[in-house]
Amino acid sequence: MRHYYIYYRIPLDQAANIAAAIQVLQQQLEAKLGIRGRLLKKRDEPNLWMEIYEGISESREFEAALSAAEMQTGIAGLLSPGEKRHIECFEEN
């Protein structure tokens, strides 16, 4: 199984818009793949957010669905200037 961790910085004045977009993105992933994501904010650094998606068995399918949902929700355009979503994937031993 694989686990995806996606982190990025947001402009705090866009937090509500980004949270709404992430909610839509996660709803799309859950509807399409049955994968429920979580959204976290770093303690003492509220502009650093992380999405977590665990128990992924089909990486290609997940990554394609994630990319499509990112484009549809326009999340990239809401992030802090020059910021991008950093995707890390970990596997169980």
PDB file of N, CA and C in Angstrom:
ATOM      1  N   MET A   1       0.835  -1.192   0.000  1.00  0.00           N
ATOM      2  CA  MET A   1       0.000   0.000   0.000  1.00  0.00           C
ATOM      3  C   MET A   1       0.876   1.251   0.000  1.00  0.00           C
ATOM      4  N   ARG A   2       0.348   2.270  -0.609  1.00  0.00           N
ATOM      5  CA  ARG A   2       1.052   3.548  -0.676  1.00  0.00           C
ATOM      6  C   ARG A   2       0.249   4.624   0.050  1.00  0.00           C
ATOM      7  N   HIS A   3       0.992   5.603   0.532  1.00  0.00           N
ATOM      8  CA  HIS A   3       0.381   6.717   1.252  1.00  0.00           C
ATOM      9  C   HIS A   3       0.923   8.007   0.651  1.00  0.00           C
ATOM     10  N   TYR A   4       0.027   8.922   0.324  1.00  0.00           N
ATOM     11  CA  TYR A   4       0.406  10.185  -0.311  1.00  0.00           C
ATOM     12  C   TYR A   4       0.253  11.335   0.676  1.00  0.00           C
ATOM     13  N   TYR A   5       1.283  12.183   0.680  1.00  0.00           N
ATOM     14  CA  TYR A   5       1.308  13.374   1.514  1.00  0.00           C
ATOM     15  C   TYR A   5       1.578  14.555   0.596  1.00  0.00           C
ATOM     16  N   ILE A   6       0.659  15.495   0.569  1.00  0.00           N
ATOM     17  CA  ILE A   6       0.754  16.639  -0.339  1.00  0.00           C
ATOM     18  C   ILE A   6       0.752  17.908   0.508  1.00  0.00           C
ATOM     19  N   TYR A   7       1.824  18.685   0.416  1.00  0.00           N
ATOM     20  CA  TYR A   7       1.916  19.874   1.249  1.00  0.00           C
ATOM     21  C   TYR A   7       2.181  21.107   0.390  1.00  0.00           C
ATOM     22  N   TYR A   8       1.768  22.257   0.922  1.00  0.00           N
ATOM     23  CA  TYR A   8       1.866  23.520   0.195  1.00  0.00           C
ATOM     24  C   TYR A   8       1.558  24.668   1.135  1.00  0.00           C
ATOM     25  N   ARG A   9       1.959  25.853   0.725  1.00  0.00           N
ATOM     26  CA  ARG A   9       1.660  27.066   1.492  1.00  0.00           C
ATOM     27  C   ARG A   9       0.530  27.844   0.798  1.00  0.00           C
ATOM     28  N   ILE A  10      -0.289  28.433   1.637  1.00  0.00           N
ATOM     29  CA  ILE A  10      -1.418  29.204   1.127  1.00  0.00           C
ATOM     30  C   ILE A  10      -1.330  30.640   1.632  1.00  0.00           C
ATOM     31  N   PRO A  11      -1.924  31.575   0.893  1.00  0.00           N
ATOM     32  CA  PRO A  11      -2.100  32.914   1.449  1.00  0.00           C
ATOM     33  C   PRO A  11      -3.294  32.848   2.415  1.00  0.00           C
ATOM     34  N   LEU A  12      -3.109  33.291   3.639  1.00  0.00           N
ATOM     35  CA  LEU A  12      -4.157  33.129   4.648  1.00  0.00           C
ATOM     36  C   LEU A  12      -5.470  33.802   4.257  1.00  0.00           C
ATOM     37  N   ASP A  13      -5.396  34.862   3.451  1.00  0.00           N
ATOM     38  CA  ASP A  13      -6.638  35.520   3.039  1.00  0.00           C
ATOM     39  C   ASP A  13      -7.438  34.677   2.042  1.00  0.00           C
ATOM     40  N   GLN A  14      -6.856  33.592   1.542  1.00  0.00           N
ATOM     41  CA  GLN A  14      -7.548  32.671   0.633  1.00  0.00           C
ATOM     42  C   GLN A  14      -7.911  31.343   1.305  1.00  0.00           C
ATOM     43  N   ALA A  15      -7.714  31.247   2.613  1.00  0.00           N
ATOM     44  CA  ALA A  15      -7.918  29.981   3.324  1.00  0.00           C
ATOM     45  C   ALA A  15      -9.315  29.404   3.101  1.00  0.00           C
ATOM     46  N   ALA A  16     -10.344  30.209   3.183  1.00  0.00           N
ATOM     47  CA  ALA A  16     -11.711  29.701   3.011  1.00  0.00           C
ATOM     48  C   ALA A  16     -11.925  29.169   1.593  1.00  0.00           C
ATOM     49  N   ASN A  17     -11.424  29.894   0.589  1.00  0.00           N
ATOM     50  CA  ASN A  17     -11.577  29.449  -0.800  1.00  0.00           C
ATOM     51  C   ASN A  17     -10.804  28.158  -1.058  1.00  0.00           C
ATOM     52  N   ILE A  18      -9.598  28.076  -0.502  1.00  0.00           N
ATOM     53  CA  ILE A  18      -8.787  26.879  -0.711  1.00  0.00           C
ATOM     54  C   ILE A  18      -9.390  25.694   0.023  1.00  0.00           C
ATOM     55  N   ALA A  19      -9.867  25.901   1.232  1.00  0.00           N
ATOM     56  CA  ALA A  19     -10.513  24.811   1.979  1.00  0.00           C
ATOM     57  C   ALA A  19     -11.726  24.281   1.216  1.00  0.00           C
ATOM     58  N   ALA A  20     -12.499  25.180   0.618  1.00  0.00           N
ATOM     59  CA  ALA A  20     -13.660  24.758  -0.169  1.00  0.00           C
ATOM     60  C   ALA A  20     -13.226  23.961  -1.397  1.00  0.00           C
ATOM     61  N   ALA A  21     -12.161  24.412  -2.065  1.00  0.00           N
ATOM     62  CA  ALA A  21     -11.665  23.698  -3.244  1.00  0.00           C
ATOM     63  C   ALA A  21     -11.133  22.317  -2.861  1.00  0.00           C
ATOM     64  N   ILE A  22     -10.423  22.227  -1.740  1.00  0.00           N
ATOM     65  CA  ILE A  22      -9.904  20.939  -1.283  1.00  0.00           C
ATOM     66  C   ILE A  22     -11.048  20.007  -0.917  1.00  0.00           C
ATOM     67  N   GLN A  23     -12.081  20.542  -0.320  1.00  0.00           N
ATOM     68  CA  GLN A  23     -13.246  19.714   0.017  1.00  0.00           C
ATOM     69  C   GLN A  23     -13.863  19.120  -1.250  1.00  0.00           C
ATOM     70  N   VAL A  24     -13.993  19.922  -2.295  1.00  0.00           N
ATOM     71  CA  VAL A  24     -14.529  19.425  -3.568  1.00  0.00           C
ATOM     72  C   VAL A  24     -13.599  18.368  -4.149  1.00  0.00           C
ATOM     73  N   LEU A  25     -12.298  18.646  -4.156  1.00  0.00           N
ATOM     74  CA  LEU A  25     -11.313  17.697  -4.669  1.00  0.00           C
ATOM     75  C   LEU A  25     -11.425  16.368  -3.926  1.00  0.00           C
ATOM     76  N   GLN A  26     -11.487  16.420  -2.604  1.00  0.00           N
ATOM     77  CA  GLN A  26     -11.557  15.187  -1.825  1.00  0.00           C
ATOM     78  C   GLN A  26     -12.879  14.454  -2.029  1.00  0.00           C
ATOM     79  N   GLN A  27     -13.944  15.173  -2.209  1.00  0.00           N
ATOM     80  CA  GLN A  27     -15.228  14.537  -2.513  1.00  0.00           C
ATOM     81  C   GLN A  27     -15.166  13.822  -3.856  1.00  0.00           C
ATOM     82  N   GLN A  28     -14.513  14.425  -4.827  1.00  0.00           N
ATOM     83  CA  GLN A  28     -14.371  13.799  -6.142  1.00  0.00           C
ATOM     84  C   GLN A  28     -13.552  12.511  -6.044  1.00  0.00           C
ATOM     85  N   LEU A  29     -12.452  12.547  -5.306  1.00  0.00           N
ATOM     86  CA  LEU A  29     -11.621  11.351  -5.156  1.00  0.00           C
ATOM     87  C   LEU A  29     -12.380  10.241  -4.426  1.00  0.00           C
ATOM     88  N   GLU A  30     -13.138  10.622  -3.429  1.00  0.00           N
ATOM     89  CA  GLU A  30     -13.893   9.608  -2.693  1.00  0.00           C
ATOM     90  C   GLU A  30     -14.992   9.008  -3.564  1.00  0.00           C
ATOM     91  N   ALA A  31     -15.679   9.841  -4.329  1.00  0.00           N
ATOM     92  CA  ALA A  31     -16.741   9.340  -5.206  1.00  0.00           C
ATOM     93  C   ALA A  31     -16.188   8.441  -6.307  1.00  0.00           C
ATOM     94  N   LYS A  32     -15.048   8.823  -6.868  1.00  0.00           N
ATOM     95  CA  LYS A  32     -14.484   8.075  -7.989  1.00  0.00           C
ATOM     96  C   LYS A  32     -13.724   6.827  -7.554  1.00  0.00           C
ATOM     97  N   LEU A  33     -12.940   6.940  -6.461  1.00  0.00           N
ATOM     98  CA  LEU A  33     -12.032   5.855  -6.081  1.00  0.00           C
ATOM     99  C   LEU A  33     -12.309   5.259  -4.703  1.00  0.00           C
ATOM    100  N   GLY A  34     -13.190   5.883  -3.954  1.00  0.00           N
ATOM    101  CA  GLY A  34     -13.447   5.403  -2.596  1.00  0.00           C
ATOM    102  C   GLY A  34     -12.342   5.763  -1.619  1.00  0.00           C
ATOM    103  N   ILE A  35     -11.521   6.741  -1.976  1.00  0.00           N
ATOM    104  CA  ILE A  35     -10.399   7.151  -1.143  1.00  0.00           C
ATOM    105  C   ILE A  35     -10.772   8.435  -0.412  1.00  0.00           C
ATOM    106  N   ARG A  36     -10.730   8.362   0.899  1.00  0.00           N
ATOM    107  CA  ARG A  36     -11.063   9.525   1.713  1.00  0.00           C
ATOM    108  C   ARG A  36      -9.770  10.214   2.147  1.00  0.00           C
ATOM    109  N   GLY A  37      -9.670  11.482   1.848  1.00  0.00           N
ATOM    110  CA  GLY A  37      -8.497  12.259   2.218  1.00  0.00           C
ATOM    111  C   GLY A  37      -8.736  13.051   3.491  1.00  0.00           C
ATOM    112  N   ARG A  38      -7.637  13.520   4.056  1.00  0.00           N
ATOM    113  CA  ARG A  38      -7.691  14.386   5.233  1.00  0.00           C
ATOM    114  C   ARG A  38      -6.905  15.652   4.936  1.00  0.00           C
ATOM    115  N   LEU A  39      -7.317  16.746   5.541  1.00  0.00           N
ATOM    116  CA  LEU A  39      -6.628  18.029   5.389  1.00  0.00           C
ATOM    117  C   LEU A  39      -6.135  18.466   6.759  1.00  0.00           C
ATOM    118  N   LEU A  40      -4.834  18.764   6.837  1.00  0.00           N
ATOM    119  CA  LEU A  40      -4.216  19.212   8.082  1.00  0.00           C
ATOM    120  C   LEU A  40      -3.551  20.568   7.875  1.00  0.00           C
ATOM    121  N   LYS A  41      -3.439  21.311   8.970  1.00  0.00           N
ATOM    122  CA  LYS A  41      -2.711  22.582   8.967  1.00  0.00           C
ATOM    123  C   LYS A  41      -1.620  22.461  10.018  1.00  0.00           C
ATOM    124  N   LYS A  42      -0.437  22.936   9.697  1.00  0.00           N
ATOM    125  CA  LYS A  42       0.681  22.812  10.629  1.00  0.00           C
ATOM    126  C   LYS A  42       0.461  23.696  11.851  1.00  0.00           C
ATOM    127  N   ARG A  43       0.670  23.100  13.010  1.00  0.00           N
ATOM    128  CA  ARG A  43       0.568  23.854  14.251  1.00  0.00           C
ATOM    129  C   ARG A  43       1.620  24.959  14.244  1.00  0.00           C
ATOM    130  N   ASP A  44       1.244  26.129  14.639  1.00  0.00           N
ATOM    131  CA  ASP A  44       2.123  27.301  14.714  1.00  0.00           C
ATOM    132  C   ASP A  44       2.586  27.814  13.353  1.00  0.00           C
ATOM    133  N   GLU A  45       2.044  27.270  12.276  1.00  0.00           N
ATOM    134  CA  GLU A  45       2.342  27.763  10.925  1.00  0.00           C
ATOM    135  C   GLU A  45       1.080  27.543  10.076  1.00  0.00           C
ATOM    136  N   PRO A  46       0.033  28.342  10.312  1.00  0.00           N
ATOM    137  CA  PRO A  46      -1.278  28.075   9.723  1.00  0.00           C
ATOM    138  C   PRO A  46      -1.365  28.171   8.213  1.00  0.00           C
ATOM    139  N   ASN A  47      -0.328  28.676   7.574  1.00  0.00           N
ATOM    140  CA  ASN A  47      -0.368  28.749   6.110  1.00  0.00           C
ATOM    141  C   ASN A  47       0.264  27.522   5.447  1.00  0.00           C
ATOM    142  N   LEU A  48       0.751  26.550   6.231  1.00  0.00           N
ATOM    143  CA  LEU A  48       1.312  25.313   5.680  1.00  0.00           C
ATOM    144  C   LEU A  48       0.280  24.203   5.870  1.00  0.00           C
ATOM    145  N   TRP A  49      -0.240  23.733   4.741  1.00  0.00           N
ATOM    146  CA  TRP A  49      -1.299  22.717   4.754  1.00  0.00           C
ATOM    147  C   TRP A  49      -0.786  21.409   4.179  1.00  0.00           C
ATOM    148  N   MET A  50      -1.443  20.325   4.600  1.00  0.00           N
ATOM    149  CA  MET A  50      -1.091  19.002   4.084  1.00  0.00           C
ATOM    150  C   MET A  50      -2.357  18.168   3.899  1.00  0.00           C
ATOM    151  N   GLU A  51      -2.421  17.533   2.738  1.00  0.00           N
ATOM    152  CA  GLU A  51      -3.470  16.542   2.486  1.00  0.00           C
ATOM    153  C   GLU A  51      -2.835  15.166   2.626  1.00  0.00           C
ATOM    154  N   ILE A  52      -3.590  14.237   3.175  1.00  0.00           N
ATOM    155  CA  ILE A  52      -3.112  12.868   3.351  1.00  0.00           C
ATOM    156  C   ILE A  52      -4.114  11.913   2.721  1.00  0.00           C
ATOM    157  N   TYR A  53      -3.583  10.997   1.920  1.00  0.00           N
ATOM    158  CA  TYR A  53      -4.387   9.945   1.276  1.00  0.00           C
ATOM    159  C   TYR A  53      -3.679   8.625   1.550  1.00  0.00           C
ATOM    160  N   GLU A  54      -4.334   7.730   2.267  1.00  0.00           N
ATOM    161  CA  GLU A  54      -3.686   6.494   2.693  1.00  0.00           C
ATOM    162  C   GLU A  54      -4.335   5.267   2.073  1.00  0.00           C
ATOM    163  N   GLY A  55      -3.541   4.203   2.009  1.00  0.00           N
ATOM    164  CA  GLY A  55      -4.050   2.920   1.542  1.00  0.00           C
ATOM    165  C   GLY A  55      -4.312   2.860   0.053  1.00  0.00           C
ATOM    166  N   ILE A  56      -3.469   3.504  -0.736  1.00  0.00           N
ATOM    167  CA  ILE A  56      -3.630   3.552  -2.189  1.00  0.00           C
ATOM    168  C   ILE A  56      -2.965   2.318  -2.794  1.00  0.00           C
ATOM    169  N   SER A  57      -3.730   1.544  -3.521  1.00  0.00           N
ATOM    170  CA  SER A  57      -3.151   0.353  -4.160  1.00  0.00           C
ATOM    171  C   SER A  57      -2.837   0.592  -5.636  1.00  0.00           C
ATOM    172  N   GLU A  58      -3.556   1.485  -6.277  1.00  0.00           N
ATOM    173  CA  GLU A  58      -3.363   1.781  -7.704  1.00  0.00           C
ATOM    174  C   GLU A  58      -2.867   3.218  -7.863  1.00  0.00           C
ATOM    175  N   SER A  59      -1.551   3.387  -7.869  1.00  0.00           N
ATOM    176  CA  SER A  59      -0.969   4.729  -7.924  1.00  0.00           C
ATOM    177  C   SER A  59      -1.332   5.489  -9.188  1.00  0.00           C
ATOM    178  N   ARG A  60      -1.248   4.837 -10.327  1.00  0.00           N
ATOM    179  CA  ARG A  60      -1.537   5.542 -11.591  1.00  0.00           C
ATOM    180  C   ARG A  60      -2.966   6.079 -11.619  1.00  0.00           C
ATOM    181  N   GLU A  61      -3.897   5.245 -11.207  1.00  0.00           N
ATOM    182  CA  GLU A  61      -5.303   5.665 -11.193  1.00  0.00           C
ATOM    183  C   GLU A  61      -5.503   6.821 -10.210  1.00  0.00           C
ATOM    184  N   PHE A  62      -4.908   6.706  -9.030  1.00  0.00           N
ATOM    185  CA  PHE A  62      -5.036   7.770  -8.034  1.00  0.00           C
ATOM    186  C   PHE A  62      -4.415   9.064  -8.541  1.00  0.00           C
ATOM    187  N   GLU A  63      -3.200   8.995  -9.058  1.00  0.00           N
ATOM    188  CA  GLU A  63      -2.512  10.193  -9.517  1.00  0.00           C
ATOM    189  C   GLU A  63      -3.236  10.863 -10.675  1.00  0.00           C
ATOM    190  N   ALA A  64      -3.818  10.072 -11.569  1.00  0.00           N
ATOM    191  CA  ALA A  64      -4.593  10.642 -12.678  1.00  0.00           C
ATOM    192  C   ALA A  64      -5.846  11.339 -12.155  1.00  0.00           C
ATOM    193  N   ALA A  65      -6.537  10.703 -11.217  1.00  0.00           N
ATOM    194  CA  ALA A  65      -7.749  11.302 -10.648  1.00  0.00           C
ATOM    195  C   ALA A  65      -7.404  12.552  -9.850  1.00  0.00           C
ATOM    196  N   LEU A  66      -6.309  12.521  -9.116  1.00  0.00           N
ATOM    197  CA  LEU A  66      -5.873  13.679  -8.345  1.00  0.00           C
ATOM    198  C   LEU A  66      -5.543  14.841  -9.276  1.00  0.00           C
ATOM    199  N   SER A  67      -4.799  14.570 -10.334  1.00  0.00           N
ATOM    200  CA  SER A  67      -4.441  15.612 -11.290  1.00  0.00           C
ATOM    201  C   SER A  67      -5.680  16.235 -11.934  1.00  0.00           C
ATOM    202  N   ALA A  68      -6.627  15.399 -12.320  1.00  0.00           N
ATOM    203  CA  ALA A  68      -7.867  15.900 -12.930  1.00  0.00           C
ATOM    204  C   ALA A  68      -8.645  16.765 -11.939  1.00  0.00           C
ATOM    205  N   ALA A  69      -8.723  16.332 -10.698  1.00  0.00           N
ATOM    206  CA  ALA A  69      -9.453  17.094  -9.679  1.00  0.00           C
ATOM    207  C   ALA A  69      -8.742  18.412  -9.373  1.00  0.00           C
ATOM    208  N   GLU A  70      -7.416  18.399  -9.356  1.00  0.00           N
ATOM    209  CA  GLU A  70      -6.652  19.634  -9.137  1.00  0.00           C
ATOM    210  C   GLU A  70      -6.954  20.643 -10.246  1.00  0.00           C
ATOM    211  N   MET A  71      -6.953  20.179 -11.470  1.00  0.00           N
ATOM    212  CA  MET A  71      -7.211  21.082 -12.595  1.00  0.00           C
ATOM    213  C   MET A  71      -8.644  21.605 -12.548  1.00  0.00           C
ATOM    214  N   GLN A  72      -9.581  20.721 -12.243  1.00  0.00           N
ATOM    215  CA  GLN A  72     -10.989  21.121 -12.233  1.00  0.00           C
ATOM    216  C   GLN A  72     -11.273  22.148 -11.137  1.00  0.00           C
ATOM    217  N   THR A  73     -10.643  21.988  -9.974  1.00  0.00           N
ATOM    218  CA  THR A  73     -10.905  22.906  -8.864  1.00  0.00           C
ATOM    219  C   THR A  73     -10.049  24.166  -8.916  1.00  0.00           C
ATOM    220  N   GLY A  74      -9.009  24.182  -9.736  1.00  0.00           N
ATOM    221  CA  GLY A  74      -8.163  25.369  -9.870  1.00  0.00           C
ATOM    222  C   GLY A  74      -7.324  25.677  -8.645  1.00  0.00           C
ATOM    223  N   ILE A  75      -6.981  24.663  -7.881  1.00  0.00           N
ATOM    224  CA  ILE A  75      -6.250  24.872  -6.639  1.00  0.00           C
ATOM    225  C   ILE A  75      -4.909  25.562  -6.869  1.00  0.00           C
ATOM    226  N   ALA A  76      -4.204  25.205  -7.901  1.00  0.00           N
ATOM    227  CA  ALA A  76      -2.870  25.777  -8.142  1.00  0.00           C
ATOM    228  C   ALA A  76      -2.907  27.300  -8.191  1.00  0.00           C
ATOM    229  N   GLY A  77      -3.948  27.858  -8.743  1.00  0.00           N
ATOM    230  CA  GLY A  77      -4.069  29.312  -8.848  1.00  0.00           C
ATOM    231  C   GLY A  77      -4.397  30.003  -7.549  1.00  0.00           C
ATOM    232  N   LEU A  78      -4.746  29.235  -6.516  1.00  0.00           N
ATOM    233  CA  LEU A  78      -5.102  29.823  -5.226  1.00  0.00           C
ATOM    234  C   LEU A  78      -3.948  29.835  -4.225  1.00  0.00           C
ATOM    235  N   LEU A  79      -2.880  29.122  -4.534  1.00  0.00           N
ATOM    236  CA  LEU A  79      -1.761  29.005  -3.600  1.00  0.00           C
ATOM    237  C   LEU A  79      -0.958  30.299  -3.526  1.00  0.00           C
ATOM    238  N   SER A  80      -0.068  30.357  -2.557  1.00  0.00           N
ATOM    239  CA  SER A  80       0.815  31.521  -2.423  1.00  0.00           C
ATOM    240  C   SER A  80       1.628  31.692  -3.705  1.00  0.00           C
ATOM    241  N   PRO A  81       1.977  32.932  -4.067  1.00  0.00           N
ATOM    242  CA  PRO A  81       2.757  33.164  -5.283  1.00  0.00           C
ATOM    243  C   PRO A  81       4.045  32.330  -5.293  1.00  0.00           C
ATOM    244  N   GLY A  82       4.294  31.657  -6.421  1.00  0.00           N
ATOM    245  CA  GLY A  82       5.476  30.836  -6.576  1.00  0.00           C
ATOM    246  C   GLY A  82       5.397  29.481  -5.898  1.00  0.00           C
ATOM    247  N   GLU A  83       4.308  29.216  -5.223  1.00  0.00           N
ATOM    248  CA  GLU A  83       4.152  27.955  -4.488  1.00  0.00           C
ATOM    249  C   GLU A  83       3.535  26.892  -5.387  1.00  0.00           C
ATOM    250  N   LYS A  84       3.862  25.634  -5.114  1.00  0.00           N
ATOM    251  CA  LYS A  84       3.235  24.518  -5.813  1.00  0.00           C
ATOM    252  C   LYS A  84       2.929  23.426  -4.798  1.00  0.00           C
ATOM    253  N   ARG A  85       2.136  22.483  -5.205  1.00  0.00           N
ATOM    254  CA  ARG A  85       1.804  21.342  -4.350  1.00  0.00           C
ATOM    255  C   ARG A  85       2.940  20.321  -4.448  1.00  0.00           C
ATOM    256  N   HIS A  86       3.490  19.965  -3.312  1.00  0.00           N
ATOM    257  CA  HIS A  86       4.583  18.991  -3.231  1.00  0.00           C
ATOM    258  C   HIS A  86       3.973  17.640  -2.865  1.00  0.00           C
ATOM    259  N   ILE A  87       4.187  16.644  -3.715  1.00  0.00           N
ATOM    260  CA  ILE A  87       3.600  15.331  -3.502  1.00  0.00           C
ATOM    261  C   ILE A  87       4.698  14.348  -3.117  1.00  0.00           C
ATOM    262  N   GLU A  88       4.503  13.697  -1.987  1.00  0.00           N
ATOM    263  CA  GLU A  88       5.414  12.656  -1.515  1.00  0.00           C
ATOM    264  C   GLU A  88       4.610  11.362  -1.390  1.00  0.00           C
ATOM    265  N   CYS A  89       5.195  10.261  -1.818  1.00  0.00           N
ATOM    266  CA  CYS A  89       4.530   8.970  -1.736  1.00  0.00           C
ATOM    267  C   CYS A  89       5.416   8.014  -0.942  1.00  0.00           C
ATOM    268  N   PHE A  90       4.842   7.401   0.073  1.00  0.00           N
ATOM    269  CA  PHE A  90       5.555   6.439   0.908  1.00  0.00           C
ATOM    270  C   PHE A  90       4.892   5.073   0.762  1.00  0.00           C
ATOM    271  N   GLU A  91       5.721   4.031   0.816  1.00  0.00           N
ATOM    272  CA  GLU A  91       5.233   2.653   0.722  1.00  0.00           C
ATOM    273  C   GLU A  91       5.482   1.928   2.031  1.00  0.00           C
ATOM    274  N   GLU A  92       4.602   1.005   2.322  1.00  0.00           N
ATOM    275  CA  GLU A  92       4.805   0.168   3.497  1.00  0.00           C
ATOM    276  C   GLU A  92       5.864  -0.880   3.182  1.00  0.00           C
ATOM    277  N   ASN A  93       6.620  -1.262   4.189  1.00  0.00           N
ATOM    278  CA  ASN A  93       7.638  -2.304   4.017  1.00  0.00           C
ATOM    279  C   ASN A  93       6.992  -3.663   3.858  1.00  0.00           C
TER     280      ASN A  93
END
